[in-house]
Amino acid sequence: MKFNFCLLGLGGLAAIQSCTDMNRGTGNPNIVFILADDLGYGDVSFYNPESRIRTPNIDRLAQTGVAFTDAHTGSAVSTPTRYGLLTGRYSWRSEMKSGVLNGYSKALIPRERNTIADMLRKSGYNTACIGKWHLGWNWNNIEKGNDSVDFSKPITEGPVERGFDYFFGFNGSLDMPPYIYVENNKPTSLPDRVTTGNNITYGKPGYDGSMWREGPTGSDFFHIECTPEFFRRAGNYIYEKAKDKKPYFLYLALPSPHTPILPTEEFKGKSGVNYYADFIMMIDEAIGKLLNVIEETGESKNTIIIFTSDNGTAPWADIETLKAKGHQTSYIYRGHKADLYEGGHRVPCIIKWPAGIRKPHIVDQTVCLNDFYATLAAVTKYKIAGNEAEDSYNLLPAIIDKDYNKIIREATVHQSVNGNLAVRKGDWKLLMTPGSGGWSYPRPGKEEEGLPPVQLFNMKEDPSEQKNLQAEHPEIVKELTELLRKYIDEGRSTPGTPQKNEGEFPARLRFWQ
């Protein structure tokens, strides 16, 4: 299958040029936010000089904009990271204390909580979400069970009730049923088959990552077409909104390179490493085409493009084969997706904005994806209320001024798939668990037996987290523990009026007791 945008022709582009300011240098910028799924820090060649995967288009963004080298997701897995990105609030403050949602899950974000899309819409933006939602919505008849869902009826409490004027995508991950596209609030087709997936499992001979769970599948839904389809629709959206005088916010939430790992035919074998590497090369080329679309509209000067990932690489990328072929998905960092170790949540994070970033540069201070709420609020001069974006800091000074060196975040909280927390302040990182808190050794349970109850690492001297210094520095353990308790008790980590968290922490996560 050829990957082709199939976008407007030259006549359509000429019409756009006649009805819009083609080099919008004033007013609010357009915003394109590209969120990859399970892409590791070391999978972008700009960040990993020894990478076996070349990403020239993502690298081009970094070379002409701002690259954060110490950026982190709010969690080491998908749903909580997306919650934090869209609300500016750590997900562990919500009812969800661990794990992720599935394709039948109900809405996690309550309607009364503002999202980044709500905020930007109030600032005069057209808003769109294309891709993987993974924050839940209400299927019709879901209260009677998954098998009772009526896919002919609209959904409720989805993206269009969370600030987005337009939505096209699906609810869970691409390996979670039901495999049904929804446009705005309406499923685009009815299931005509049950997809059984690939029976070759992880670690078995012949494994290639093209695996998903069994479930009902819409007549217009084909797994291998999802990533190209989302890019095609994103390109069309950008062309269409270039006709308007209003700025736009496009949240392009890719389902890739998460499983199922499905490079199209022209990319299979292209990396010489494995299908996961091929898949990343396919994504990079698609990003290059999307950048060309933005250039062709003439609005690239005042368009903010953000590229990042929701967490680190998953084991299903076949990390051991990648290592054997000389590729480190987490670069020099320990662990992978799901972990409190850096490989779980340290991600590539790049911003390009020619009108705002005068000189390309690197920012090496610790930041979090939650911070984009406050940052874009600052860009659009939106005043954040006391009960929104409680864990979001404004990064704009460091983005527009390459010489800015004031520390923006006091500290950053990390979360594993198991719900365990860690806190990072300056060079010090304290993990409130004996092990990874996730899927790498030592995993929760027997592998942690006999280990100290917490782990303390000096990230400047030991970025690979090899030497636990908790016994040598009890004063730092105490300081960071008290800071984390304060963040939990006050319902926020930014200055402001204390807020309430939802739900109760399970006993196993109450490190303060």
Protein backbone atom coordinates (compact mmCIF):
# COMPACT_ATOMS: atom_id res chain seq x y z
CA MET A 1 0.00 0.00 0.00
CA LYS A 2 1.44 3.35 -1.00
CA PHE A 3 1.46 5.98 1.70
CA ASN A 4 0.07 9.15 0.14
CA PHE A 5 -1.64 12.16 1.64
CA CYS A 6 -4.01 12.56 -1.35
CA LEU A 7 -4.47 16.23 -0.41
CA LEU A 8 -5.67 19.33 -2.21
CA GLY A 9 -4.18 20.11 -5.58
CA LEU A 10 -2.50 23.35 -6.66
CA GLY A 11 -5.84 24.98 -7.45
CA GLY A 12 -7.02 24.44 -3.88
CA LEU A 13 -3.78 25.83 -2.50
CA ALA A 14 -4.06 28.92 -4.67
CA ALA A 15 -7.56 29.50 -3.31
CA ILE A 16 -6.23 29.29 0.24
CA GLN A 17 -3.48 31.78 -0.56
CA SER A 18 -6.03 34.28 -1.82
CA CYS A 19 -8.11 34.29 1.38
CA THR A 20 -5.60 34.19 4.22
CA ASP A 21 -2.48 35.96 5.41
CA MET A 22 0.06 33.43 4.20
CA ASN A 23 2.80 34.45 6.60
CA ARG A 24 0.82 35.19 9.71
CA GLY A 25 3.40 36.95 11.85
CA THR A 26 1.02 38.51 14.33
CA GLY A 27 -1.79 37.17 16.46
CA ASN A 28 -2.06 33.76 18.08
CA PRO A 29 -0.02 31.05 16.34
CA ASN A 30 -1.39 27.84 14.92
CA ILE A 31 -0.45 24.84 17.06
CA VAL A 32 0.25 21.32 15.82
CA PHE A 33 0.94 18.87 18.64
CA ILE A 34 2.21 15.45 17.48
CA LEU A 35 2.23 12.78 20.18
CA ALA A 36 3.88 9.48 19.27
CA ASP A 37 2.96 6.31 21.15
CA ASP A 38 5.72 4.26 22.84
CA LEU A 39 8.60 6.03 21.11
CA GLY A 40 11.77 5.90 23.19
CA TYR A 41 14.20 8.71 23.91
CA GLY A 42 16.94 6.88 21.97
CA ASP A 43 14.71 6.19 18.95
CA VAL A 44 15.20 9.74 17.61
CA SER A 45 18.64 10.08 16.04
CA PHE A 46 19.00 13.70 17.17
CA TYR A 47 19.04 12.43 20.78
CA ASN A 48 21.04 9.27 20.16
CA PRO A 49 24.18 9.70 18.04
CA GLU A 50 24.59 5.91 17.97
CA SER A 51 21.02 5.22 16.84
CA ARG A 52 20.50 2.57 14.18
CA ILE A 53 17.25 4.33 13.25
CA ARG A 54 17.55 7.52 11.23
CA THR A 55 14.85 10.18 11.76
CA PRO A 56 15.87 13.08 9.50
CA ASN A 57 12.53 14.91 9.62
CA ILE A 58 12.18 14.83 13.39
CA ASP A 59 15.84 15.83 13.58
CA ARG A 60 15.08 18.77 11.30
CA LEU A 61 12.53 20.02 13.83
CA ALA A 62 15.12 19.82 16.61
CA GLN A 63 17.83 21.50 14.59
CA THR A 64 15.63 24.47 13.75
CA GLY A 65 13.77 24.82 17.06
CA VAL A 66 14.13 23.93 20.72
CA ALA A 67 15.03 20.44 21.90
CA PHE A 68 14.43 19.48 25.54
CA THR A 69 16.91 16.86 26.70
CA ASP A 70 15.36 16.26 30.13
CA ALA A 71 11.64 16.12 29.27
CA HIS A 72 9.31 13.67 30.99
CA THR A 73 5.81 12.34 30.62
CA GLY A 74 3.46 12.49 33.60
CA SER A 75 3.46 8.69 33.67
CA ALA A 76 5.31 5.77 32.11
CA VAL A 77 2.15 4.59 30.33
CA SER A 78 -0.42 6.02 27.95
CA THR A 79 -3.69 7.04 29.61
CA PRO A 80 -2.25 8.96 32.59
CA THR A 81 0.22 10.79 30.38
CA ARG A 82 -2.58 11.94 28.07
CA TYR A 83 -4.63 13.01 31.06
CA GLY A 84 -1.72 15.14 32.30
CA LEU A 85 -1.00 16.61 28.88
CA LEU A 86 -4.60 17.67 28.28
CA THR A 87 -5.38 18.87 31.82
CA GLY A 88 -2.02 20.09 33.12
CA ARG A 89 -2.58 17.89 36.17
CA TYR A 90 -0.97 14.65 37.32
CA SER A 91 -3.25 11.71 36.60
CA TRP A 92 -2.68 10.17 40.05
CA ARG A 93 -4.79 13.04 41.39
CA SER A 94 -7.75 11.62 39.46
CA GLU A 95 -9.78 8.49 40.30
CA MET A 96 -7.23 6.48 38.31
CA LYS A 97 -4.21 5.59 40.47
CA SER A 98 -2.52 3.01 38.22
CA GLY A 99 -2.73 1.22 34.89
CA VAL A 100 -4.48 2.39 31.71
CA LEU A 101 -8.00 2.43 30.32
CA ASN A 102 -9.23 0.05 27.60
CA GLY A 103 -11.32 0.53 24.47
CA TYR A 104 -14.62 0.21 26.35
CA SER A 105 -13.68 2.44 29.30
CA LYS A 106 -15.82 5.39 30.31
CA ALA A 107 -14.59 8.98 30.31
CA LEU A 108 -11.80 9.70 32.80
CA ILE A 109 -11.79 13.49 32.54
CA PRO A 110 -14.93 14.95 34.16
CA ARG A 111 -16.81 17.46 32.06
CA GLU A 112 -16.25 20.26 34.60
CA ARG A 113 -12.44 20.03 34.27
CA ASN A 114 -10.94 22.24 31.57
CA THR A 115 -8.66 20.69 28.99
CA ILE A 116 -6.02 22.35 26.87
CA ALA A 117 -8.56 22.28 24.02
CA ASP A 118 -11.16 24.07 26.17
CA MET A 119 -8.57 26.68 27.05
CA LEU A 120 -7.52 27.28 23.45
CA ARG A 121 -11.10 27.35 22.18
CA LYS A 122 -11.82 30.10 24.72
CA SER A 123 -8.82 31.90 23.19
CA GLY A 124 -10.39 31.83 19.73
CA TYR A 125 -8.99 28.60 18.28
CA ASN A 126 -10.47 25.94 16.07
CA THR A 127 -9.59 22.69 17.87
CA ALA A 128 -9.20 19.16 16.52
CA CYS A 129 -8.09 15.79 17.84
CA ILE A 130 -7.11 13.15 15.31
CA GLY A 131 -5.92 9.71 16.39
CA LYS A 132 -5.77 7.73 19.59
CA TRP A 133 -7.88 9.15 22.45
CA HIS A 134 -7.35 6.57 25.24
CA LEU A 135 -9.13 8.69 27.85
CA GLY A 136 -12.47 6.94 27.71
CA TRP A 137 -15.94 7.83 26.49
CA ASN A 138 -19.39 6.33 26.90
CA TRP A 139 -20.50 3.83 24.28
CA ASN A 140 -24.25 3.47 23.83
CA ASN A 141 -25.62 0.67 26.03
CA ILE A 142 -22.19 0.06 27.66
CA GLU A 143 -23.82 -0.18 31.09
CA LYS A 144 -25.14 -3.62 30.05
CA GLY A 145 -21.66 -4.88 29.16
CA ASN A 146 -19.18 -4.76 26.29
CA ASP A 147 -21.12 -7.26 24.19
CA SER A 148 -24.22 -5.07 24.40
CA VAL A 149 -22.73 -1.93 22.85
CA ASP A 150 -24.84 -0.49 20.04
CA PHE A 151 -22.30 0.83 17.53
CA SER A 152 -25.05 2.38 15.40
CA LYS A 153 -25.65 5.02 18.07
CA PRO A 154 -23.53 8.08 18.97
CA ILE A 155 -21.04 8.03 21.81
CA THR A 156 -21.19 10.55 24.66
CA GLU A 157 -18.59 12.26 26.87
CA GLY A 158 -15.92 12.01 24.19
CA PRO A 159 -13.43 14.52 22.78
CA VAL A 160 -16.07 16.92 21.45
CA GLU A 161 -17.34 17.28 25.03
CA ARG A 162 -13.76 17.89 26.16
CA GLY A 163 -13.02 20.98 24.09
CA PHE A 164 -12.46 19.65 20.57
CA ASP A 165 -14.51 21.04 17.67
CA TYR A 166 -13.58 18.02 15.58
CA PHE A 167 -12.51 14.46 16.36
CA PHE A 168 -11.60 11.44 14.28
CA GLY A 169 -10.07 8.38 15.89
CA PHE A 170 -10.67 5.50 18.28
CA ASN A 171 -10.94 5.02 22.03
CA GLY A 172 -8.13 2.78 23.32
CA SER A 173 -4.82 1.65 21.85
CA LEU A 174 -4.57 0.06 18.42
CA ASP A 175 -4.30 -3.36 20.06
CA MET A 176 -7.49 -2.87 22.14
CA PRO A 177 -10.99 -3.61 20.84
CA PRO A 178 -13.42 -2.40 19.70
CA TYR A 179 -11.74 -1.41 16.46
CA ILE A 180 -14.21 1.29 15.47
CA TYR A 181 -13.49 4.76 14.12
CA VAL A 182 -15.54 7.56 15.59
CA GLU A 183 -15.95 10.91 13.83
CA ASN A 184 -17.06 13.58 16.24
CA ASN A 185 -19.60 11.52 18.23
CA LYS A 186 -20.66 9.01 15.59
CA PRO A 187 -19.10 5.63 14.75
CA THR A 188 -18.20 5.63 11.05
CA SER A 189 -19.20 2.00 10.44
CA LEU A 190 -20.67 -1.07 12.07
CA PRO A 191 -18.56 -4.15 12.86
CA ASP A 192 -18.55 -6.66 10.02
CA ARG A 193 -16.02 -9.11 11.47
CA VAL A 194 -14.11 -10.11 14.58
CA THR A 195 -10.41 -9.44 14.22
CA THR A 196 -8.42 -12.28 15.74
CA GLY A 197 -5.02 -10.63 15.41
CA ASN A 198 -1.66 -12.27 15.04
CA ASN A 199 -1.12 -15.44 17.04
CA ILE A 200 2.67 -15.12 17.04
CA THR A 201 3.39 -13.91 20.57
CA TYR A 202 6.23 -11.85 22.01
CA GLY A 203 9.44 -13.81 22.45
CA LYS A 204 8.40 -16.63 20.11
CA PRO A 205 10.18 -17.40 16.82
CA GLY A 206 8.70 -15.34 14.02
CA TYR A 207 7.46 -12.59 16.34
CA ASP A 208 7.25 -9.26 14.46
CA GLY A 209 5.09 -7.09 16.75
CA SER A 210 1.95 -7.22 14.59
CA MET A 211 -0.24 -8.36 17.46
CA TRP A 212 -3.55 -7.16 18.88
CA ARG A 213 -6.40 -8.43 21.01
CA GLU A 214 -9.44 -10.09 19.48
CA GLY A 215 -12.50 -7.91 19.05
CA PRO A 216 -15.24 -6.45 16.84
CA THR A 217 -13.95 -4.47 13.88
CA GLY A 218 -15.68 -1.84 11.78
CA SER A 219 -16.12 -2.42 8.07
CA ASP A 220 -13.85 0.58 7.30
CA PHE A 221 -11.21 -0.24 9.94
CA PHE A 222 -7.92 -1.87 8.94
CA HIS A 223 -5.07 -1.71 11.45
CA ILE A 224 -2.31 -1.13 8.92
CA GLU A 225 -4.13 1.89 7.50
CA CYS A 226 -4.59 3.75 10.80
CA THR A 227 -1.34 5.71 10.99
CA PRO A 228 -1.42 6.78 7.30
CA GLU A 229 -5.12 7.67 7.63
CA PHE A 230 -4.48 9.91 10.64
CA PHE A 231 -1.67 11.72 8.86
CA ARG A 232 -3.83 12.14 5.75
CA ARG A 233 -6.66 13.66 7.78
CA ALA A 234 -4.23 15.86 9.68
CA GLY A 235 -2.86 17.23 6.43
CA ASN A 236 -6.34 17.90 5.10
CA TYR A 237 -7.32 19.63 8.34
CA ILE A 238 -4.30 21.94 8.13
CA TYR A 239 -5.07 22.84 4.51
CA GLU A 240 -8.73 23.46 5.32
CA LYS A 241 -8.07 25.62 8.39
CA ALA A 242 -5.53 27.70 6.49
CA LYS A 243 -8.59 29.27 4.81
CA ASP A 244 -9.82 30.63 8.12
CA LYS A 245 -8.70 33.74 9.93
CA LYS A 246 -8.96 31.88 13.23
CA PRO A 247 -5.86 29.98 14.41
CA TYR A 248 -6.12 26.23 14.85
CA PHE A 249 -4.95 23.67 17.41
CA LEU A 250 -4.40 20.19 16.02
CA TYR A 251 -3.68 17.39 18.50
CA LEU A 252 -2.39 14.52 16.36
CA ALA A 253 -2.24 11.56 18.72
CA LEU A 254 -0.54 8.77 16.80
CA PRO A 255 -1.22 5.10 17.62
CA SER A 256 2.35 4.24 16.63
CA PRO A 257 4.97 2.83 17.02
CA HIS A 258 2.89 1.06 19.71
CA THR A 259 1.74 -2.48 18.91
CA PRO A 260 0.57 -3.66 16.47
CA ILE A 261 3.85 -2.78 14.78
CA LEU A 262 2.73 -2.38 11.18
CA PRO A 263 5.07 -0.65 8.72
CA THR A 264 3.57 -0.49 5.26
CA GLU A 265 5.13 -2.59 2.51
CA GLU A 266 7.45 0.12 1.21
CA PHE A 267 9.03 0.46 4.67
CA LYS A 268 9.39 -3.20 5.61
CA GLY A 269 13.10 -3.98 5.91
CA LYS A 270 14.10 -0.37 5.25
CA SER A 271 15.96 0.06 8.54
CA GLY A 272 17.85 -3.22 8.41
CA VAL A 273 17.07 -3.64 12.11
CA ASN A 274 13.48 -4.86 12.70
CA TYR A 275 9.86 -3.91 11.98
CA TYR A 276 9.79 -1.51 14.94
CA ALA A 277 12.67 0.46 13.44
CA ASP A 278 10.96 0.34 10.03
CA PHE A 279 7.78 1.67 11.62
CA ILE A 280 9.63 4.63 13.11
CA MET A 281 11.16 5.44 9.73
CA MET A 282 7.67 5.40 8.24
CA ILE A 283 6.42 7.80 10.93
CA ASP A 284 9.38 10.11 10.36
CA GLU A 285 8.69 10.31 6.64
CA ALA A 286 5.01 11.04 7.31
CA ILE A 287 6.02 13.85 9.66
CA GLY A 288 8.21 15.25 6.89
CA LYS A 289 5.20 15.32 4.56
CA LEU A 290 3.10 17.03 7.23
CA LEU A 291 5.81 19.67 7.68
CA ASN A 292 5.70 20.23 3.92
CA VAL A 293 1.92 20.74 4.12
CA ILE A 294 2.43 23.45 6.75
CA GLU A 295 5.08 25.09 4.59
CA GLU A 296 2.79 25.03 1.54
CA THR A 297 0.02 26.87 3.38
CA GLY A 298 2.46 29.73 3.96
CA GLU A 299 1.72 29.75 7.69
CA SER A 300 4.81 27.96 8.94
CA LYS A 301 6.36 31.11 10.39
CA ASN A 302 3.68 31.47 13.05
CA THR A 303 2.88 27.79 13.58
CA ILE A 304 4.07 26.05 16.72
CA ILE A 305 4.95 22.42 16.03
CA ILE A 306 5.48 20.19 19.06
CA PHE A 307 6.70 16.62 18.79
CA THR A 308 7.03 14.19 21.68
CA SER A 309 6.01 10.74 22.93
CA ASP A 310 3.66 9.46 25.65
CA ASN A 311 6.28 7.22 27.33
CA GLY A 312 9.31 5.10 26.54
CA THR A 313 9.64 2.07 24.28
CA ALA A 314 7.67 -1.06 25.15
CA PRO A 315 9.29 -4.51 25.39
CA TRP A 316 7.12 -5.58 22.44
CA ALA A 317 9.39 -3.57 20.15
CA ASP A 318 11.75 -6.53 20.73
CA ILE A 319 14.27 -4.48 22.68
CA GLU A 320 16.75 -7.36 22.92
CA THR A 321 16.98 -7.69 19.12
CA LEU A 322 17.42 -3.92 18.86
CA LYS A 323 20.25 -4.06 21.41
CA ALA A 324 21.88 -6.95 19.58
CA LYS A 325 21.92 -4.83 16.44
CA GLY A 326 23.43 -1.85 18.24
CA HIS A 327 20.33 0.22 18.97
CA GLN A 328 19.51 1.44 22.49
CA THR A 329 15.88 2.57 22.60
CA SER A 330 16.40 4.39 25.91
CA TYR A 331 19.89 5.60 24.93
CA ILE A 332 22.03 5.63 28.11
CA TYR A 333 19.03 5.44 30.44
CA ARG A 334 17.77 2.48 32.45
CA GLY A 335 14.44 0.78 31.89
CA HIS A 336 11.61 1.18 29.40
CA LYS A 337 7.88 1.80 29.20
CA ALA A 338 5.99 1.30 32.51
CA ASP A 339 9.05 1.93 34.72
CA LEU A 340 10.00 4.63 37.21
CA TYR A 341 13.50 4.40 35.77
CA GLU A 342 14.27 7.06 33.15
CA GLY A 343 13.56 4.84 30.16
CA GLY A 344 9.92 4.75 31.21
CA HIS A 345 9.21 8.47 31.05
CA ARG A 346 12.16 10.47 29.65
CA VAL A 347 11.09 11.27 26.08
CA PRO A 348 12.16 13.30 23.05
CA CYS A 349 10.47 16.69 23.14
CA ILE A 350 10.91 19.26 20.39
CA ILE A 351 9.29 22.60 19.57
CA LYS A 352 9.59 24.56 16.34
CA TRP A 353 8.17 28.09 16.11
CA PRO A 354 10.04 30.41 13.73
CA ALA A 355 8.12 33.53 14.84
CA GLY A 356 8.88 32.90 18.52
CA ILE A 357 12.20 31.04 18.57
CA ARG A 358 14.84 33.34 17.14
CA LYS A 359 17.78 30.99 17.66
CA PRO A 360 17.61 27.18 17.78
CA HIS A 361 18.86 25.84 21.12
CA ILE A 362 18.78 23.04 23.65
CA VAL A 363 17.06 23.23 27.03
CA ASP A 364 18.56 20.82 29.54
CA GLN A 365 16.42 21.55 32.61
CA THR A 366 13.78 19.08 33.78
CA VAL A 367 10.31 19.64 32.29
CA CYS A 368 7.06 17.65 32.01
CA LEU A 369 4.47 17.30 29.26
CA ASN A 370 1.93 18.68 31.75
CA ASP A 371 3.70 22.02 31.24
CA PHE A 372 2.28 22.57 27.77
CA TYR A 373 -1.02 23.68 29.29
CA ALA A 374 0.55 26.66 31.10
CA THR A 375 2.97 27.28 28.24
CA LEU A 376 0.26 27.58 25.59
CA ALA A 377 -1.83 29.62 28.02
CA ALA A 378 1.09 32.05 28.20
CA VAL A 379 1.40 32.11 24.40
CA THR A 380 -2.29 33.00 24.05
CA LYS A 381 -2.43 35.25 27.16
CA TYR A 382 -5.04 33.04 28.80
CA LYS A 383 -5.33 33.42 32.57
CA ILE A 384 -5.32 30.04 34.31
CA ALA A 385 -7.86 29.66 37.12
CA GLY A 386 -6.93 28.32 40.53
CA ASN A 387 -8.62 24.97 39.88
CA GLU A 388 -7.01 24.12 36.54
CA ALA A 389 -3.54 23.03 35.40
CA GLU A 390 -2.40 22.44 38.99
CA ASP A 391 0.82 20.74 37.88
CA SER A 392 1.70 22.81 34.82
CA TYR A 393 4.58 25.29 34.60
CA ASN A 394 5.12 27.92 31.92
CA LEU A 395 8.12 26.95 29.76
CA LEU A 396 7.81 29.91 27.41
CA PRO A 397 10.80 31.88 28.83
CA ALA A 398 13.14 28.93 28.15
CA ILE A 399 11.62 28.39 24.70
CA ILE A 400 12.02 31.92 23.37
CA ASP A 401 15.31 32.84 25.11
CA LYS A 402 18.27 30.55 24.51
CA ASP A 403 20.16 32.17 27.39
CA TYR A 404 17.39 31.70 29.94
CA ASN A 405 18.82 29.68 32.83
CA LYS A 406 16.36 30.11 35.70
CA ILE A 407 14.93 26.81 36.94
CA ILE A 408 11.23 26.72 36.05
CA ARG A 409 10.01 23.55 37.81
CA GLU A 410 10.64 23.14 41.53
CA ALA A 411 10.36 19.35 41.14
CA THR A 412 8.72 16.73 38.93
CA VAL A 413 6.73 13.66 39.95
CA HIS A 414 6.99 10.44 37.92
CA GLN A 415 4.54 7.53 37.98
CA SER A 416 4.89 3.88 36.95
CA VAL A 417 2.25 1.57 35.50
CA ASN A 418 1.86 0.06 38.97
CA GLY A 419 1.06 3.49 40.41
CA ASN A 420 4.34 3.93 42.27
CA LEU A 421 5.69 7.49 42.45
CA ALA A 422 9.11 9.10 42.23
CA VAL A 423 10.14 12.72 42.66
CA ARG A 424 12.95 14.52 40.88
CA LYS A 425 14.41 17.79 42.13
CA GLY A 426 17.57 19.12 40.54
CA ASP A 427 20.15 16.34 40.32
CA TRP A 428 18.34 14.09 42.81
CA LYS A 429 15.66 11.51 42.05
CA LEU A 430 13.88 9.50 44.75
CA LEU A 431 11.87 6.38 43.83
CA MET A 432 9.31 5.38 46.44
CA THR A 433 9.72 1.68 45.66
CA PRO A 434 12.49 -0.96 45.86
CA GLY A 435 12.36 -1.73 42.14
CA SER A 436 11.21 -0.45 38.77
CA GLY A 437 7.54 -0.16 39.67
CA GLY A 438 6.95 -1.48 36.18
CA TRP A 439 8.01 -4.19 33.76
CA SER A 440 11.81 -4.23 34.01
CA TYR A 441 13.95 -5.87 36.69
CA PRO A 442 13.42 -5.70 39.63
CA ARG A 443 9.69 -6.01 39.08
CA PRO A 444 7.16 -5.59 41.91
CA GLY A 445 7.01 -8.73 44.06
CA LYS A 446 9.69 -11.34 44.69
CA GLU A 447 12.36 -9.58 42.65
CA GLU A 448 12.25 -6.69 45.16
CA GLU A 449 12.77 -8.88 48.23
CA GLY A 450 15.74 -7.78 50.35
CA LEU A 451 16.15 -4.45 48.56
CA PRO A 452 16.02 -1.06 50.34
CA PRO A 453 12.47 0.36 50.43
CA VAL A 454 13.43 3.43 48.36
CA GLN A 455 16.03 4.33 45.74
CA LEU A 456 17.95 7.60 45.51
CA PHE A 457 20.01 8.47 42.46
CA ASN A 458 22.17 11.45 41.55
CA MET A 459 21.12 11.97 37.94
CA LYS A 460 24.08 14.20 37.10
CA GLU A 461 26.72 11.72 38.26
CA ASP A 462 24.74 8.55 37.57
CA PRO A 463 22.23 9.13 34.73
CA SER A 464 21.90 5.35 34.22
CA GLU A 465 20.63 4.91 37.79
CA GLN A 466 23.07 2.23 38.86
CA LYS A 467 24.06 3.32 42.39
CA ASN A 468 21.37 3.64 45.06
CA LEU A 469 22.50 6.37 47.48
CA GLN A 470 19.57 6.25 49.91
CA ALA A 471 21.76 5.01 52.80
CA GLU A 472 24.44 7.68 52.23
CA HIS A 473 22.00 10.61 52.02
CA PRO A 474 19.09 10.16 54.44
CA GLU A 475 18.68 13.95 54.59
CA ILE A 476 17.88 14.09 50.87
CA VAL A 477 15.51 11.13 51.18
CA LYS A 478 13.72 13.03 53.95
CA GLU A 479 13.61 16.30 52.00
CA LEU A 480 12.19 14.73 48.84
CA THR A 481 9.73 12.56 50.73
CA GLU A 482 8.35 15.61 52.50
CA LEU A 483 8.12 17.53 49.23
CA LEU A 484 6.18 14.70 47.60
CA ARG A 485 3.82 14.52 50.58
CA LYS A 486 3.27 18.28 50.27
CA TYR A 487 2.42 17.96 46.57
CA ILE A 488 -0.07 15.21 47.37
CA ASP A 489 -1.65 16.95 50.36
CA GLU A 490 -2.05 20.32 48.64
CA GLY A 491 -3.53 18.89 45.46
CA ARG A 492 -1.05 20.81 43.33
CA SER A 493 2.69 21.29 42.73
CA THR A 494 2.44 24.85 41.41
CA PRO A 495 1.90 27.89 43.66
CA GLY A 496 -1.75 28.57 44.39
CA THR A 497 -4.78 27.66 46.45
CA PRO A 498 -4.76 24.02 47.62
CA GLN A 499 -7.04 21.72 45.65
CA LYS A 500 -8.56 18.30 46.27
CA ASN A 501 -7.45 15.02 44.74
CA GLU A 502 -10.06 12.46 43.71
CA GLY A 503 -10.18 8.92 45.04
CA GLU A 504 -8.04 7.20 47.64
CA PHE A 505 -4.51 5.93 47.21
CA PRO A 506 -4.36 2.13 47.69
CA ALA A 507 -2.52 1.08 50.86
CA ARG A 508 0.43 -0.28 48.84
CA LEU A 509 1.09 3.22 47.45
CA ARG A 510 0.87 5.10 50.75
CA PHE A 511 4.60 5.49 51.30
CA TRP A 512 3.93 8.18 53.90
CA GLN A 513 2.24 5.74 56.32
